[in-house]
Amino acid sequence: MKESEEAGKINGEGTDLFSDRKEFLGAQKIRFEDMKEHMSGPIISIAFHIVLISFLLSMLVTSSPPERDEIEIELIDMQIVPPEKLPDLPDISEPVENKDFVSDSETNIPEPSPDAPVEVEEFNSKALSIDIVVPNILNIKTSGTPLKLPESMAGRRGPQREAAKKKYDVSSRTERAVKKGLIWLRDHQNSDGSWGQDKSKSPALTAMALLAFLAYGETPMSEDFGHCVLKAIKKLVSYSETANPVEVCAGNGYGHMIVTYALSEAYAMTQVPMLESHMNRMVGYTIKGQNLSGGYNYSYNNSGGRSDTSVIGWACQAMKAALAAGSGEAGLETAMQKSAQCLLNLQSAGRGFVYSTEGLKANPKLGDGGWQTSPIGALCLQLLGDGSAPEVRNAMALMLERQNWVNWKGENGDGKHLEWALYRWYYQTQAYFQHFQGTGKEWREWNRMFTSELLKNQKADGRWETPLMDFRNSSRKSQNHEKGHGEDMFLEDDNPVYASSLCCLMLTVYYRYLPTYQVAGSKKDLTLVSNPAQKDKSGTFPETGARCESAIIIE
């Protein structure tokens, strides 16, 4: 009783919370029963939902998939066919901006002073593992695949162009100079697609400018220059559609030949079928305009039997480009062979190729200016397959003797030998590249000199002017040069079009035409060969029986 009373006191009450042990156990039992009663409902609910979900899942698994409509797909091989004709020109009133081009000023490249030499690092071709397959330009096969370039032009685009730039160590500065020059030409094109202000020179200038764009791999599909190229091609086509394209192209026959050259390359680069007929029509005039000896004269005037090396030069380039493009014009290959034979007869006694048959008569030992026209004869024979002839070796030896005359200010800074400087360097650069295959000490030295002169004399806006024009405009004026003589015949706006076109063509020599042949014997064996062609007194070549009727035979 004492314990119960104490328990009651602890609870703060006077009565017991549970009177005895049985009552306490009974209270616990009630609580457990209550818990079971409350839990049974949720447990049953969970079990029911599990059964329901299992049933629904079994229904989904056993149900069949819905029916689907079958679609047949037929794969058809598509052939890319070039357009039958050139597209119409869009109306573009302002020149297109070249967003990708970065000027020298934006890249903080200092402009060199006119007298500062341009350093060109000596290039070791053995250090590179890149190999370029050198095709034989004489083995030209037309391709059935649209837009596939002739092998000789394959270096102008894609991986082969990048490989050529690495192999021949083309600097980024050189590439920028070309791009700037082309931008200037694009921005100074006439609205009708031509270049130049003098109508007698405009066809030739238009063709030369187009050749510069094509050399850089540009076509009507190009982003930066496509519209410009298309307009130029259409302009050249308009010349070929006239009743007398030789007369319309003017320029004493030069215009027609250079236009033929550019149309042939345009067809090769685009494969637009309509251009083929225009190319063939133009080259047909060139074939028919050849004289009996295989040479060419001003405006195809063959009444006196005169042959002119400079005119032959453009005729050979035009015919070779047409052949490379796949021209099937009758008599083309025969005409090329005859031109090669005539050139072989236009070399004086053991020296260079003379300017004309008249010059050879006047000065049979040295000819008239043979050192200036020798690059023309050498390059043409290379393109025509006679690059290893002794006559070419003689011409190359003579060029090596005079190559230090590559100076924008003249031989001694006095304007001497500037009359046809760019014209001569244009041929000389190509002849060197072909003969030395773009390698060796001789090529590297020439490459250093000519790129130095071109790069440091480009104007800030991207154009070039001829060295003679620059000389006349400078403080070093000379009374020996009459205005309008030599390259100075291209006046005012025509001069930078002519100069910029030739400079761009020179600076793309690395990939414009891949090296075309292997020179027989050592490349360094350039001693002069006396009486190289072994002609007899009648003027006949015993090996071929061919005869050059208008050439003077030198013993």
Protein backbone atom coordinates (compact mmCIF):
# COMPACT_ATOMS: atom_id res chain seq x y z
CA MET A 1 0.00 0.00 0.00
CA LYS A 2 2.84 2.26 0.68
CA GLU A 3 4.17 1.73 -2.89
CA SER A 4 0.75 2.51 -4.41
CA GLU A 5 0.41 5.61 -2.37
CA GLU A 6 3.88 6.74 -3.44
CA ALA A 7 3.02 6.10 -7.10
CA GLY A 8 -0.09 8.21 -6.73
CA LYS A 9 1.90 11.00 -5.26
CA ILE A 10 4.38 10.90 -8.11
CA ASN A 11 1.56 11.44 -10.58
CA GLY A 12 0.41 14.42 -8.65
CA GLU A 13 -2.93 12.80 -7.98
CA GLY A 14 -4.43 11.14 -5.05
CA THR A 15 -5.61 8.06 -7.14
CA ASP A 16 -3.56 5.33 -8.90
CA LEU A 17 -3.07 5.58 -12.77
CA PHE A 18 -3.46 1.77 -13.09
CA SER A 19 -4.95 -0.03 -10.10
CA ASP A 20 -3.12 -3.26 -10.69
CA ARG A 21 -0.82 -5.09 -13.16
CA LYS A 22 -3.66 -6.81 -15.06
CA GLU A 23 -5.22 -3.48 -15.85
CA PHE A 24 -1.87 -2.19 -17.12
CA LEU A 25 -1.34 -5.21 -19.40
CA GLY A 26 -4.90 -4.91 -20.64
CA ALA A 27 -4.27 -1.32 -21.69
CA GLN A 28 -1.18 -2.37 -23.64
CA LYS A 29 -3.16 -5.12 -25.42
CA ILE A 30 -5.80 -2.68 -26.53
CA ARG A 31 -3.22 -0.40 -28.04
CA PHE A 32 -1.67 -3.24 -30.17
CA GLU A 33 -5.11 -4.34 -31.40
CA ASP A 34 -5.81 -0.75 -32.41
CA MET A 35 -2.61 -0.62 -34.42
CA LYS A 36 -3.45 -3.80 -36.32
CA GLU A 37 -6.87 -2.44 -37.10
CA HIS A 38 -5.47 0.78 -38.49
CA MET A 39 -2.76 -0.90 -40.63
CA SER A 40 -4.88 -3.55 -42.33
CA GLY A 41 -6.57 -1.03 -44.67
CA PRO A 42 -3.40 0.41 -46.25
CA ILE A 43 -1.83 -3.04 -46.63
CA ILE A 44 -4.84 -4.37 -48.52
CA SER A 45 -4.88 -1.27 -50.73
CA ILE A 46 -1.21 -1.67 -51.66
CA ALA A 47 -1.66 -5.32 -52.51
CA PHE A 48 -4.66 -4.55 -54.72
CA HIS A 49 -2.77 -1.90 -56.69
CA ILE A 50 0.18 -4.24 -57.25
CA VAL A 51 -2.15 -6.84 -58.74
CA LEU A 52 -3.86 -4.20 -60.92
CA ILE A 53 -0.59 -2.79 -62.27
CA SER A 54 0.72 -6.28 -63.06
CA PHE A 55 -2.43 -7.02 -65.05
CA LEU A 56 -2.20 -3.83 -67.06
CA LEU A 57 1.45 -4.46 -67.89
CA SER A 58 0.66 -7.95 -69.14
CA MET A 59 -1.99 -6.46 -71.43
CA LEU A 60 0.48 -4.03 -72.96
CA VAL A 61 3.09 -6.70 -73.61
CA THR A 62 0.77 -9.12 -75.32
CA SER A 63 -0.96 -6.50 -77.54
CA SER A 64 0.12 -6.51 -81.21
CA PRO A 65 1.98 -3.45 -82.67
CA PRO A 66 -0.01 -1.07 -84.85
CA GLU A 67 0.23 -1.49 -88.60
CA ARG A 68 2.57 0.90 -90.46
CA ASP A 69 2.49 2.08 -94.05
CA GLU A 70 5.56 0.93 -96.02
CA ILE A 71 7.55 3.51 -98.02
CA GLU A 72 9.86 2.42 -100.82
CA ILE A 73 13.00 4.52 -101.41
CA GLU A 74 14.89 4.19 -104.69
CA LEU A 75 18.47 5.51 -104.86
CA ILE A 76 19.40 7.07 -108.19
CA ASP A 77 22.98 8.00 -109.17
CA MET A 78 23.14 11.66 -110.15
CA GLN A 79 25.64 13.08 -112.61
CA ILE A 80 26.68 16.69 -112.19
CA VAL A 81 26.34 18.30 -115.58
CA PRO A 82 27.77 21.78 -116.19
CA PRO A 83 25.33 24.40 -117.44
CA GLU A 84 24.77 24.57 -121.19
CA LYS A 85 25.30 28.30 -121.14
CA LEU A 86 26.59 30.95 -118.80
CA PRO A 87 23.99 32.26 -116.32
CA ASP A 88 22.57 35.74 -116.62
CA LEU A 89 24.41 38.37 -114.65
CA PRO A 90 22.70 39.71 -111.53
CA ASP A 91 22.37 43.45 -111.13
CA ILE A 92 25.15 44.43 -108.74
CA SER A 93 25.67 48.15 -108.50
CA GLU A 94 28.46 48.05 -105.95
CA PRO A 95 31.50 45.79 -105.71
CA VAL A 96 31.20 42.90 -103.29
CA GLU A 97 33.18 43.30 -100.12
CA ASN A 98 35.73 40.66 -99.39
CA LYS A 99 35.08 39.94 -95.72
CA ASP A 100 37.81 37.34 -95.45
CA PHE A 101 40.59 39.53 -96.79
CA VAL A 102 42.85 41.06 -94.19
CA SER A 103 44.90 44.02 -95.31
CA ASP A 104 48.50 44.59 -94.31
CA SER A 105 47.42 47.54 -92.17
CA GLU A 106 45.01 45.39 -90.18
CA THR A 107 47.72 42.85 -89.45
CA ASN A 108 50.22 45.58 -88.47
CA ILE A 109 52.72 44.52 -91.11
CA PRO A 110 55.02 47.47 -91.83
CA GLU A 111 55.21 48.65 -95.42
CA PRO A 112 58.79 48.22 -96.69
CA SER A 113 60.64 51.21 -98.04
CA PRO A 114 61.20 51.22 -101.83
CA ASP A 115 64.94 50.67 -101.41
CA ALA A 116 64.74 48.00 -98.73
CA PRO A 117 65.63 44.50 -99.95
CA VAL A 118 63.07 41.79 -99.41
CA GLU A 119 64.52 38.76 -97.69
CA VAL A 120 63.53 35.41 -99.12
CA GLU A 121 64.75 32.49 -97.09
CA GLU A 122 66.62 29.78 -98.92
CA PHE A 123 64.36 26.79 -99.27
CA ASN A 124 65.49 23.25 -98.72
CA SER A 125 63.12 21.05 -100.69
CA LYS A 126 64.64 17.89 -99.20
CA ALA A 127 63.30 18.85 -95.79
CA LEU A 128 59.73 18.39 -96.98
CA SER A 129 58.11 15.02 -97.38
CA ILE A 130 55.37 16.36 -99.67
CA ASP A 131 55.50 14.94 -103.20
CA ILE A 132 53.69 16.41 -106.18
CA VAL A 133 53.08 14.17 -109.15
CA VAL A 134 54.48 15.98 -112.17
CA PRO A 135 52.31 15.24 -115.22
CA ASN A 136 53.45 15.30 -118.80
CA ILE A 137 51.69 18.21 -120.45
CA LEU A 138 52.08 16.55 -123.84
CA ASN A 139 49.94 13.61 -122.75
CA ILE A 140 46.70 15.54 -122.35
CA LYS A 141 43.50 13.56 -122.02
CA THR A 142 40.16 15.29 -121.91
CA SER A 143 38.15 14.26 -118.89
CA GLY A 144 34.59 12.97 -118.95
CA THR A 145 34.10 14.12 -115.37
CA PRO A 146 32.61 17.62 -115.16
CA LEU A 147 34.80 20.34 -113.69
CA LYS A 148 37.93 18.19 -113.58
CA LEU A 149 40.87 20.36 -114.57
CA PRO A 150 43.45 19.31 -117.16
CA GLU A 151 46.45 17.81 -115.40
CA SER A 152 48.71 20.77 -116.18
CA MET A 153 46.25 23.11 -114.35
CA ALA A 154 45.50 20.80 -111.43
CA GLY A 155 47.71 22.78 -109.06
CA ARG A 156 45.33 25.74 -109.05
CA ARG A 157 42.84 24.24 -106.60
CA GLY A 158 42.44 22.16 -103.48
CA PRO A 159 45.09 19.93 -101.92
CA GLN A 160 47.44 20.07 -104.89
CA ARG A 161 47.59 23.84 -104.69
CA GLU A 162 48.34 23.71 -100.96
CA ALA A 163 51.00 21.08 -101.61
CA ALA A 164 52.56 23.23 -104.36
CA LYS A 165 52.67 26.25 -102.06
CA LYS A 166 54.52 24.21 -99.44
CA LYS A 167 56.85 22.53 -101.92
CA TYR A 168 57.87 25.81 -103.56
CA ASP A 169 57.87 27.79 -100.31
CA VAL A 170 55.24 30.35 -101.32
CA SER A 171 55.06 32.97 -98.58
CA SER A 172 51.85 34.32 -97.09
CA ARG A 173 52.98 37.78 -98.16
CA THR A 174 53.10 36.64 -101.79
CA GLU A 175 49.59 35.23 -101.54
CA ARG A 176 48.31 38.45 -99.97
CA ALA A 177 49.90 40.47 -102.75
CA VAL A 178 48.07 38.43 -105.38
CA LYS A 179 44.77 38.75 -103.53
CA LYS A 180 45.19 42.51 -103.21
CA GLY A 181 46.01 42.77 -106.91
CA LEU A 182 42.91 40.80 -107.87
CA ILE A 183 40.72 42.93 -105.59
CA TRP A 184 42.04 46.06 -107.31
CA LEU A 185 41.31 44.54 -110.74
CA ARG A 186 37.82 43.50 -109.65
CA ASP A 187 37.04 46.97 -108.36
CA HIS A 188 38.25 48.62 -111.58
CA GLN A 189 36.37 46.41 -114.05
CA ASN A 190 34.14 48.26 -116.47
CA SER A 191 30.39 47.74 -116.19
CA ASP A 192 30.31 45.70 -119.43
CA GLY A 193 32.87 43.22 -118.05
CA SER A 194 35.91 44.64 -119.84
CA TRP A 195 39.01 46.43 -118.58
CA GLY A 196 40.81 49.41 -120.03
CA GLN A 197 39.84 52.70 -121.65
CA ASP A 198 41.67 52.47 -124.99
CA LYS A 199 39.36 50.46 -127.28
CA SER A 200 42.31 49.15 -129.28
CA LYS A 201 43.82 47.60 -126.15
CA SER A 202 40.71 46.73 -124.13
CA PRO A 203 40.19 43.18 -125.53
CA ALA A 204 43.80 42.19 -124.72
CA LEU A 205 43.65 43.80 -121.27
CA THR A 206 40.34 42.09 -120.50
CA ALA A 207 41.79 38.71 -121.46
CA MET A 208 44.97 39.29 -119.44
CA ALA A 209 42.99 40.27 -116.35
CA LEU A 210 40.78 37.19 -116.69
CA LEU A 211 43.88 34.98 -117.02
CA ALA A 212 45.09 36.39 -113.69
CA PHE A 213 41.83 35.38 -111.95
CA LEU A 214 41.84 31.93 -113.56
CA ALA A 215 45.48 31.41 -112.52
CA TYR A 216 44.40 31.95 -108.90
CA GLY A 217 41.73 29.27 -109.33
CA GLU A 218 38.79 31.69 -109.56
CA THR A 219 35.67 30.77 -111.57
CA PRO A 220 32.11 32.14 -111.91
CA MET A 221 31.27 30.04 -108.82
CA SER A 222 33.83 31.78 -106.59
CA GLU A 223 32.51 33.73 -103.64
CA ASP A 224 34.76 36.78 -103.85
CA PHE A 225 35.36 37.09 -107.59
CA GLY A 226 32.69 34.96 -109.27
CA HIS A 227 30.59 37.86 -110.56
CA CYS A 228 33.68 39.60 -111.92
CA VAL A 229 34.92 36.44 -113.69
CA LEU A 230 31.51 35.76 -115.21
CA LYS A 231 31.25 39.28 -116.62
CA ALA A 232 34.73 39.00 -118.14
CA ILE A 233 33.98 35.64 -119.79
CA LYS A 234 30.76 37.00 -121.26
CA LYS A 235 32.67 39.97 -122.67
CA LEU A 236 35.22 37.72 -124.35
CA VAL A 237 32.41 35.59 -125.78
CA SER A 238 30.93 38.74 -127.32
CA TYR A 239 34.23 39.36 -129.15
CA SER A 240 34.24 35.83 -130.55
CA GLU A 241 30.68 36.18 -131.85
CA THR A 242 31.54 39.04 -134.20
CA ALA A 243 32.00 38.58 -137.95
CA ASN A 244 35.73 39.36 -137.76
CA PRO A 245 37.08 38.75 -134.26
CA VAL A 246 40.68 39.38 -135.34
CA GLU A 247 39.77 42.92 -136.30
CA VAL A 248 37.47 43.47 -133.31
CA CYS A 249 40.08 42.29 -130.82
CA ALA A 250 42.54 44.74 -132.40
CA GLY A 251 46.07 45.11 -131.04
CA ASN A 252 47.83 44.00 -134.25
CA GLY A 253 46.66 40.44 -133.73
CA TYR A 254 47.85 40.28 -130.12
CA GLY A 255 44.32 40.97 -128.89
CA HIS A 256 42.83 38.02 -130.75
CA MET A 257 45.51 35.60 -129.53
CA ILE A 258 45.28 36.66 -125.88
CA VAL A 259 41.46 36.49 -126.00
CA THR A 260 41.74 32.97 -127.48
CA TYR A 261 44.14 32.05 -124.69
CA ALA A 262 41.76 33.28 -121.97
CA LEU A 263 38.66 31.66 -123.51
CA SER A 264 40.51 28.34 -123.70
CA GLU A 265 41.47 28.50 -120.03
CA ALA A 266 37.93 29.60 -119.11
CA TYR A 267 36.51 26.53 -120.84
CA ALA A 268 39.08 24.27 -119.17
CA MET A 269 38.23 25.71 -115.74
CA THR A 270 34.42 25.69 -116.09
CA GLN A 271 33.57 23.04 -118.73
CA VAL A 272 30.55 25.11 -119.79
CA PRO A 273 29.72 23.53 -123.20
CA MET A 274 28.87 26.78 -124.95
CA LEU A 275 32.42 28.04 -124.37
CA GLU A 276 33.89 25.15 -126.36
CA SER A 277 32.47 26.37 -129.65
CA HIS A 278 33.72 29.92 -129.01
CA MET A 279 37.17 28.60 -128.13
CA ASN A 280 37.31 26.47 -131.29
CA ARG A 281 36.16 29.32 -133.50
CA MET A 282 38.87 31.61 -132.13
CA VAL A 283 41.66 29.04 -132.32
CA GLY A 284 40.58 28.28 -135.87
CA TYR A 285 41.57 31.83 -136.86
CA THR A 286 44.96 31.28 -135.21
CA ILE A 287 45.56 28.09 -137.15
CA LYS A 288 44.60 29.70 -140.45
CA GLY A 289 46.70 32.80 -139.71
CA GLN A 290 49.96 30.85 -139.54
CA ASN A 291 52.47 31.52 -142.32
CA LEU A 292 54.20 28.84 -144.38
CA SER A 293 57.19 28.69 -142.03
CA GLY A 294 55.00 28.11 -138.97
CA GLY A 295 55.45 31.63 -137.66
CA TYR A 296 53.11 34.54 -137.04
CA ASN A 297 53.15 38.21 -137.93
CA TYR A 298 51.18 41.29 -136.88
CA SER A 299 47.45 40.89 -137.59
CA TYR A 300 48.19 37.58 -139.36
CA ASN A 301 49.69 39.53 -142.26
CA ASN A 302 51.74 36.95 -144.12
CA SER A 303 52.35 38.83 -147.35
CA GLY A 304 56.07 39.29 -146.66
CA GLY A 305 56.70 35.98 -144.88
CA ARG A 306 57.77 37.81 -141.72
CA SER A 307 57.79 35.89 -138.40
CA ASP A 308 57.69 37.74 -135.08
CA THR A 309 58.80 35.95 -131.90
CA SER A 310 56.59 38.06 -129.65
CA VAL A 311 53.47 37.33 -131.72
CA ILE A 312 54.42 33.64 -131.93
CA GLY A 313 54.63 33.63 -128.13
CA TRP A 314 50.95 34.45 -127.61
CA ALA A 315 49.89 32.16 -130.47
CA CYS A 316 51.71 29.23 -128.86
CA GLN A 317 50.24 29.92 -125.42
CA ALA A 318 46.74 30.15 -126.94
CA MET A 319 47.09 26.93 -128.94
CA LYS A 320 48.55 25.03 -126.00
CA ALA A 321 45.72 26.18 -123.71
CA ALA A 322 43.15 25.09 -126.32
CA LEU A 323 44.78 21.67 -126.64
CA ALA A 324 44.86 21.30 -122.83
CA ALA A 325 41.17 22.22 -122.69
CA GLY A 326 40.36 19.43 -125.17
CA SER A 327 39.92 21.39 -128.39
CA GLY A 328 39.48 19.14 -131.40
CA GLU A 329 39.88 21.90 -133.96
CA ALA A 330 41.36 20.49 -137.16
CA GLY A 331 45.03 21.26 -137.68
CA LEU A 332 45.73 22.39 -134.11
CA GLU A 333 48.54 19.96 -133.29
CA THR A 334 50.11 20.39 -136.73
CA ALA A 335 50.13 24.16 -136.27
CA MET A 336 51.84 23.76 -132.89
CA GLN A 337 54.53 21.53 -134.38
CA LYS A 338 55.18 24.01 -137.18
CA SER A 339 55.49 26.87 -134.67
CA ALA A 340 58.05 24.92 -132.68
CA GLN A 341 60.08 24.30 -135.81
CA CYS A 342 59.99 27.97 -136.76
CA LEU A 343 61.14 29.03 -133.29
CA LEU A 344 64.11 26.70 -133.53
CA ASN A 345 65.12 28.63 -136.64
CA LEU A 346 64.75 32.00 -134.95
CA GLN A 347 67.84 31.56 -132.80
CA SER A 348 70.99 33.32 -133.86
CA ALA A 349 74.41 31.67 -133.92
CA GLY A 350 74.67 30.03 -130.51
CA ARG A 351 72.74 32.81 -128.77
CA GLY A 352 69.14 33.69 -127.94
CA PHE A 353 65.91 33.85 -129.89
CA VAL A 354 65.75 37.00 -131.98
CA TYR A 355 62.79 39.35 -132.28
CA SER A 356 62.04 38.67 -135.93
CA THR A 357 63.38 37.33 -139.19
CA GLU A 358 64.17 40.92 -140.15
CA GLY A 359 66.37 41.33 -137.11
CA LEU A 360 68.17 38.12 -137.90
CA LYS A 361 68.98 39.44 -141.38
CA ALA A 362 70.28 42.72 -139.98
CA ASN A 363 72.48 41.20 -137.28
CA PRO A 364 72.90 37.46 -137.84
CA LYS A 365 75.37 36.90 -135.00
CA LEU A 366 73.40 38.38 -132.14
CA GLY A 367 70.05 39.30 -133.64
CA ASP A 368 68.09 42.37 -132.56
CA GLY A 369 67.51 42.18 -128.85
CA GLY A 370 67.82 38.41 -128.59
CA TRP A 371 68.34 38.61 -124.84
CA GLN A 372 64.91 40.23 -124.40
CA THR A 373 62.96 37.78 -126.58
CA SER A 374 64.87 34.66 -125.55
CA PRO A 375 62.50 33.97 -122.62
CA ILE A 376 59.60 33.90 -125.12
CA GLY A 377 61.26 31.33 -127.35
CA ALA A 378 62.37 29.21 -124.41
CA LEU A 379 58.94 29.07 -122.75
CA CYS A 380 57.10 28.33 -125.99
CA LEU A 381 59.38 25.43 -126.85
CA GLN A 382 58.93 24.10 -123.33
CA LEU A 383 55.14 24.24 -123.73
CA LEU A 384 55.35 22.67 -127.18
CA GLY A 385 57.43 19.72 -126.00
CA ASP A 386 60.94 20.80 -127.06
CA GLY A 387 62.12 22.02 -123.67
CA SER A 388 65.27 19.91 -123.75
CA ALA A 389 66.41 21.22 -127.15
CA PRO A 390 69.91 22.78 -127.33
CA GLU A 391 68.30 26.04 -128.47
CA VAL A 392 66.45 26.27 -125.15
CA ARG A 393 69.64 25.57 -123.22
CA ASN A 394 71.33 28.40 -125.12
CA ALA A 395 68.51 30.78 -124.28
CA MET A 396 68.59 29.80 -120.61
CA ALA A 397 72.34 30.41 -120.48
CA LEU A 398 71.86 33.86 -121.98
CA MET A 399 69.11 34.67 -119.47
CA LEU A 400 71.35 33.66 -116.59
CA GLU A 401 73.96 36.14 -117.83
CA ARG A 402 71.43 38.98 -117.74
CA GLN A 403 69.21 38.01 -114.82
CA ASN A 404 70.77 40.62 -112.53
CA TRP A 405 68.90 43.20 -114.61
CA VAL A 406 65.78 42.48 -112.59
CA ASN A 407 65.58 45.94 -111.11
CA TRP A 408 62.50 48.16 -110.96
CA LYS A 409 64.68 51.23 -111.47
CA GLY A 410 66.70 49.88 -114.37
CA GLU A 411 70.07 48.22 -114.71
CA ASN A 412 71.94 50.93 -112.78
CA GLY A 413 69.02 52.85 -111.38
CA ASP A 414 68.94 54.95 -114.57
CA GLY A 415 65.88 53.48 -116.24
CA LYS A 416 67.90 51.35 -118.66
CA HIS A 417 66.25 48.18 -120.01
CA LEU A 418 62.84 49.11 -118.62
CA GLU A 419 61.01 49.37 -121.96
CA TRP A 420 59.51 45.89 -121.70
CA ALA A 421 60.61 44.86 -118.22
CA LEU A 422 57.40 43.19 -116.96
CA TYR A 423 56.77 41.57 -120.33
CA ARG A 424 60.23 40.02 -120.26
CA TRP A 425 59.98 38.96 -116.60
CA TYR A 426 56.58 37.34 -117.27
CA TYR A 427 58.13 34.93 -119.77
CA GLN A 428 61.42 34.58 -117.92
CA THR A 429 59.76 33.57 -114.65
CA GLN A 430 57.80 30.80 -116.34
CA ALA A 431 60.78 29.60 -118.38
CA TYR A 432 62.95 29.39 -115.23
CA PHE A 433 60.26 27.57 -113.29
CA GLN A 434 59.74 25.03 -116.07
CA HIS A 435 63.43 24.48 -116.83
CA PHE A 436 64.62 24.12 -113.23
CA GLN A 437 61.42 22.41 -112.05
CA GLY A 438 61.00 25.04 -109.34
CA THR A 439 64.17 23.88 -107.51
CA GLY A 440 67.90 24.44 -107.45
CA LYS A 441 70.20 27.39 -106.92
CA GLU A 442 69.31 29.14 -110.21
CA TRP A 443 65.57 29.07 -109.57
CA ARG A 444 65.92 30.14 -105.94
CA GLU A 445 68.04 33.12 -106.94
CA TRP A 446 65.58 34.20 -109.63
CA ASN A 447 62.64 33.64 -107.30
CA ARG A 448 64.29 35.82 -104.66
CA MET A 449 64.98 38.66 -107.09
CA PHE A 450 61.70 38.86 -108.95
CA THR A 451 59.45 38.44 -105.87
CA SER A 452 61.50 41.11 -104.07
CA GLU A 453 60.94 43.61 -106.88
CA LEU A 454 57.24 42.84 -107.25
CA LEU A 455 56.35 42.84 -103.57
CA LYS A 456 58.10 46.06 -102.63
CA ASN A 457 56.74 47.94 -105.65
CA GLN A 458 53.06 47.07 -105.21
CA LYS A 459 50.98 50.15 -104.42
CA ALA A 460 49.06 50.41 -101.15
CA ASP A 461 45.72 49.91 -102.92
CA GLY A 462 46.91 46.64 -104.47
CA ARG A 463 47.75 47.74 -108.01
CA TRP A 464 51.07 47.76 -109.84
CA GLU A 465 52.30 50.16 -112.48
CA THR A 466 55.02 49.32 -114.96
CA PRO A 467 58.60 50.08 -113.88
CA LEU A 468 58.87 52.51 -116.79
CA MET A 469 55.79 54.41 -115.64
CA ASP A 470 57.09 54.49 -112.06
CA PHE A 471 60.45 55.71 -113.31
CA ARG A 472 58.86 58.49 -115.33
CA ASN A 473 56.72 59.58 -112.39
CA SER A 474 59.67 59.62 -110.01
CA SER A 475 62.37 62.27 -109.63
CA ARG A 476 64.75 60.17 -111.75
CA LYS A 477 63.34 61.29 -115.09
CA SER A 478 65.26 60.54 -118.24
CA GLN A 479 65.08 62.17 -121.64
CA ASN A 480 65.96 58.87 -123.28
CA HIS A 481 62.44 57.53 -122.85
CA GLU A 482 59.69 58.89 -125.05
CA LYS A 483 56.20 58.75 -123.67
CA GLY A 484 54.20 55.95 -125.26
CA HIS A 485 57.24 53.77 -125.99
CA GLY A 486 57.52 50.20 -124.72
CA GLU A 487 55.26 49.37 -121.81
CA ASP A 488 54.61 53.07 -121.50
CA MET A 489 52.22 52.60 -124.44
CA PHE A 490 49.68 51.62 -121.76
CA LEU A 491 48.72 55.05 -120.49
CA GLU A 492 46.54 56.36 -117.71
CA ASP A 493 44.16 53.69 -116.32
CA ASP A 494 45.31 51.05 -118.80
CA ASN A 495 48.82 50.88 -117.33
CA PRO A 496 47.93 49.44 -113.90
CA VAL A 497 45.54 46.91 -115.50
CA TYR A 498 48.34 45.62 -117.73
CA ALA A 499 50.96 45.69 -114.94
CA SER A 500 48.72 44.18 -112.25
CA SER A 501 47.64 41.33 -114.52
CA LEU A 502 51.22 40.37 -115.40
CA CYS A 503 52.42 40.65 -111.79
CA CYS A 504 49.60 38.41 -110.53
CA LEU A 505 50.41 35.87 -113.26
CA MET A 506 54.07 35.86 -112.22
CA LEU A 507 53.27 35.42 -108.52
CA THR A 508 51.01 32.42 -109.26
CA VAL A 509 53.70 30.62 -111.28
CA TYR A 510 54.10 28.05 -108.49
CA TYR A 511 50.74 26.43 -109.16
CA ARG A 512 49.46 27.99 -112.39
CA TYR A 513 51.10 25.33 -114.56
CA LEU A 514 52.86 22.38 -112.99
CA PRO A 515 56.35 21.61 -114.35
CA THR A 516 55.79 19.96 -117.71
CA TYR A 517 58.87 18.01 -118.71
CA GLN A 518 62.25 16.76 -117.60
CA VAL A 519 65.27 18.45 -119.14
CA ALA A 520 67.64 15.98 -120.74
CA GLY A 521 71.03 15.96 -119.06
CA SER A 522 72.16 18.02 -116.11
CA LYS A 523 70.12 21.09 -115.21
CA LYS A 524 73.33 22.95 -114.51
CA ASP A 525 74.84 22.17 -117.91
CA LEU A 526 73.90 25.42 -119.61
CA THR A 527 76.96 26.04 -121.74
CA LEU A 528 76.20 27.52 -125.14
CA VAL A 529 75.88 25.01 -127.96
CA SER A 530 77.19 26.15 -131.32
CA ASN A 531 75.10 25.38 -134.41
CA PRO A 532 72.56 23.67 -132.13
CA ALA A 533 69.96 22.45 -134.61
CA GLN A 534 72.43 21.11 -137.16
CA LYS A 535 70.63 22.73 -140.08
CA ASP A 536 72.00 22.16 -143.55
CA LYS A 537 72.51 24.99 -146.05
CA SER A 538 69.11 24.50 -147.62
CA GLY A 539 67.42 25.23 -144.32
CA THR A 540 66.15 21.68 -143.87
CA PHE A 541 66.41 19.73 -140.63
CA PRO A 542 67.71 16.26 -141.60
CA GLU A 543 65.93 14.62 -138.66
CA THR A 544 62.45 15.76 -139.63
CA GLY A 545 62.68 17.08 -143.17
CA ALA A 546 60.89 20.23 -142.01
CA ARG A 547 61.80 23.54 -143.58
CA CYS A 548 61.51 27.05 -142.11
CA GLU A 549 61.14 29.13 -145.26
CA SER A 550 61.25 32.61 -143.79
CA ALA A 551 64.11 32.05 -141.35
CA ILE A 552 67.71 32.92 -142.16
CA ILE A 553 70.10 30.01 -141.81
CA ILE A 554 73.20 30.80 -139.74
CA GLU A 555 76.22 28.57 -140.03
